[in-house]
Each structure stands twice: as structure tokens, then as C-alpha cells.
Amino acid sequence: MKHLGEVDCFSHDNKAAGFAPKKYKVEFKEGSMPPELMVMDCIKADKLKLDDIATSQMWDFSILKELMIC
């Protein structure tokens, strides 16, 4: 891949693909491993409905209320 370098594809079907870039690592107490990246099929939505976990991972909280249905 152009920006990630060599990757392992650990999962794929007609709706998503999972990749692990070999040159990057995430560190844990137990050791390190490549980050897992998912590329998923697009969906059309008028407004987003995010659960608490997804909401906590938003980077730009200033637009969060505009995107939410509830």
C-alpha cells in the first residue's frame, strides 16, 4: 500500500477488509503488534447514530451534536 508500506490482509469479504501494516507497532504491557485497520463498505445515512464507545472516539467534538440523531 502506498502510505502504509507492506501489510498483512487478515480479513476480507465483499463488505470489508482488514489490514495490519508491518512497519508500525502499538505497544501493550504484554508486547507489541501492528495496528489493525478496517476498510468497510459505505452506507448512506441522513444523520449518524453513535453509541457511547463510538462517541468517545470522535476526534472533533465540535461537530458531534450536528451529526447525532439522539
C-alpha atoms as a PDB file:
ATOM      1  CA  MET A   1       0.000   0.000   0.000  1.00  0.00           C
ATOM      2  CA  LYS A   2       1.265   3.418  -0.927  1.00  0.00           C
ATOM      3  CA  HIS A   3       1.358   5.078   2.509  1.00  0.00           C
ATOM      4  CA  LEU A   4       1.410   2.098   4.852  1.00  0.00           C
ATOM      5  CA  GLY A   5       4.113   0.030   3.208  1.00  0.00           C
ATOM      6  CA  GLU A   6       3.885  -3.763   3.363  1.00  0.00           C
ATOM      7  CA  VAL A   7       0.676  -5.034   5.038  1.00  0.00           C
ATOM      8  CA  ASP A   8      -0.921  -8.307   6.069  1.00  0.00           C
ATOM      9  CA  CYS A   9      -4.550  -8.692   4.997  1.00  0.00           C
ATOM     10  CA  PHE A  10      -6.141 -10.602   7.900  1.00  0.00           C
ATOM     11  CA  SER A  11      -9.775 -10.445   6.809  1.00  0.00           C
ATOM     12  CA  HIS A  12     -11.790  -9.657   3.681  1.00  0.00           C
ATOM     13  CA  ASP A  13     -15.196 -10.148   2.113  1.00  0.00           C
ATOM     14  CA  ASN A  14     -17.456  -8.079  -0.143  1.00  0.00           C
ATOM     15  CA  LYS A  15     -18.266  -5.568   2.665  1.00  0.00           C
ATOM     16  CA  ALA A  16     -14.950  -5.035   4.499  1.00  0.00           C
ATOM     17  CA  ALA A  17     -11.220  -5.679   4.532  1.00  0.00           C
ATOM     18  CA  GLY A  18      -8.817  -5.756   7.483  1.00  0.00           C
ATOM     19  CA  PHE A  19      -5.143  -4.819   7.196  1.00  0.00           C
ATOM     20  CA  ALA A  20      -2.166  -4.747   9.569  1.00  0.00           C
ATOM     21  CA  PRO A  21       0.731  -2.520   8.426  1.00  0.00           C
ATOM     22  CA  LYS A  22       4.024  -4.263   9.205  1.00  0.00           C
ATOM     23  CA  LYS A  23       6.196  -1.158   9.733  1.00  0.00           C
ATOM     24  CA  TYR A  24       4.002   0.297  12.531  1.00  0.00           C
ATOM     25  CA  LYS A  25       3.504  -1.146  16.025  1.00  0.00           C
ATOM     26  CA  VAL A  26       1.257  -0.467  19.006  1.00  0.00           C
ATOM     27  CA  GLU A  27       2.738  -1.167  22.432  1.00  0.00           C
ATOM     28  CA  PHE A  28       0.990  -3.047  25.244  1.00  0.00           C
ATOM     29  CA  LYS A  29       2.270  -4.384  28.569  1.00  0.00           C
ATOM     30  CA  GLU A  30       2.229  -7.854  27.057  1.00  0.00           C
ATOM     31  CA  GLY A  31       4.178  -6.825  23.936  1.00  0.00           C
ATOM     32  CA  SER A  32       3.713  -5.054  20.623  1.00  0.00           C
ATOM     33  CA  MET A  33       1.740  -5.765  17.467  1.00  0.00           C
ATOM     34  CA  PRO A  34       0.754  -3.991  14.233  1.00  0.00           C
ATOM     35  CA  PRO A  35      -2.392  -1.833  14.442  1.00  0.00           C
ATOM     36  CA  GLU A  36      -5.461  -3.352  12.800  1.00  0.00           C
ATOM     37  CA  LEU A  37      -7.121  -1.158  10.173  1.00  0.00           C
ATOM     38  CA  MET A  38     -10.565  -1.856   8.738  1.00  0.00           C
ATOM     39  CA  VAL A  39     -11.914  -0.537   5.443  1.00  0.00           C
ATOM     40  CA  MET A  40     -15.679  -1.005   5.263  1.00  0.00           C
ATOM     41  CA  ASP A  41     -18.436  -0.578   2.741  1.00  0.00           C
ATOM     42  CA  CYS A  42     -20.093   2.851   2.702  1.00  0.00           C
ATOM     43  CA  ILE A  43     -23.654   3.397   3.858  1.00  0.00           C
ATOM     44  CA  LYS A  44     -25.962   6.326   3.220  1.00  0.00           C
ATOM     45  CA  ALA A  45     -27.384   7.989   6.326  1.00  0.00           C
ATOM     46  CA  ASP A  46     -29.187  11.270   6.864  1.00  0.00           C
ATOM     47  CA  LYS A  47     -27.803  11.535  10.400  1.00  0.00           C
ATOM     48  CA  LEU A  48     -25.361   9.402  12.357  1.00  0.00           C
ATOM     49  CA  LYS A  49     -26.381   7.316  15.342  1.00  0.00           C
ATOM     50  CA  LEU A  50     -23.321   6.616  17.501  1.00  0.00           C
ATOM     51  CA  ASP A  51     -23.113   4.533  20.669  1.00  0.00           C
ATOM     52  CA  ASP A  52     -21.116   5.649  23.738  1.00  0.00           C
ATOM     53  CA  ILE A  53     -17.928   3.880  22.607  1.00  0.00           C
ATOM     54  CA  ALA A  54     -18.022   5.417  19.118  1.00  0.00           C
ATOM     55  CA  THR A  55     -18.818   8.839  20.589  1.00  0.00           C
ATOM     56  CA  SER A  56     -15.824   8.624  22.934  1.00  0.00           C
ATOM     57  CA  GLN A  57     -13.540   8.023  19.936  1.00  0.00           C
ATOM     58  CA  MET A  58     -14.625  11.100  17.973  1.00  0.00           C
ATOM     59  CA  TRP A  59     -11.719  13.459  17.261  1.00  0.00           C
ATOM     60  CA  ASP A  60     -13.666  16.638  16.545  1.00  0.00           C
ATOM     61  CA  PHE A  61     -16.261  17.037  19.286  1.00  0.00           C
ATOM     62  CA  SER A  62     -17.353  20.456  17.960  1.00  0.00           C
ATOM     63  CA  ILE A  63     -19.330  18.781  15.166  1.00  0.00           C
ATOM     64  CA  LEU A  64     -20.631  15.827  17.207  1.00  0.00           C
ATOM     65  CA  LYS A  65     -24.024  17.361  18.092  1.00  0.00           C
ATOM     66  CA  GLU A  66     -24.652  18.279  14.451  1.00  0.00           C
ATOM     67  CA  LEU A  67     -24.112  14.650  13.404  1.00  0.00           C
ATOM     68  CA  MET A  68     -26.203  12.946  16.077  1.00  0.00           C
ATOM     69  CA  ILE A  69     -29.851  11.908  15.823  1.00  0.00           C
ATOM     70  CA  CYS A  70     -30.161  11.379  19.554  1.00  0.00           C
END
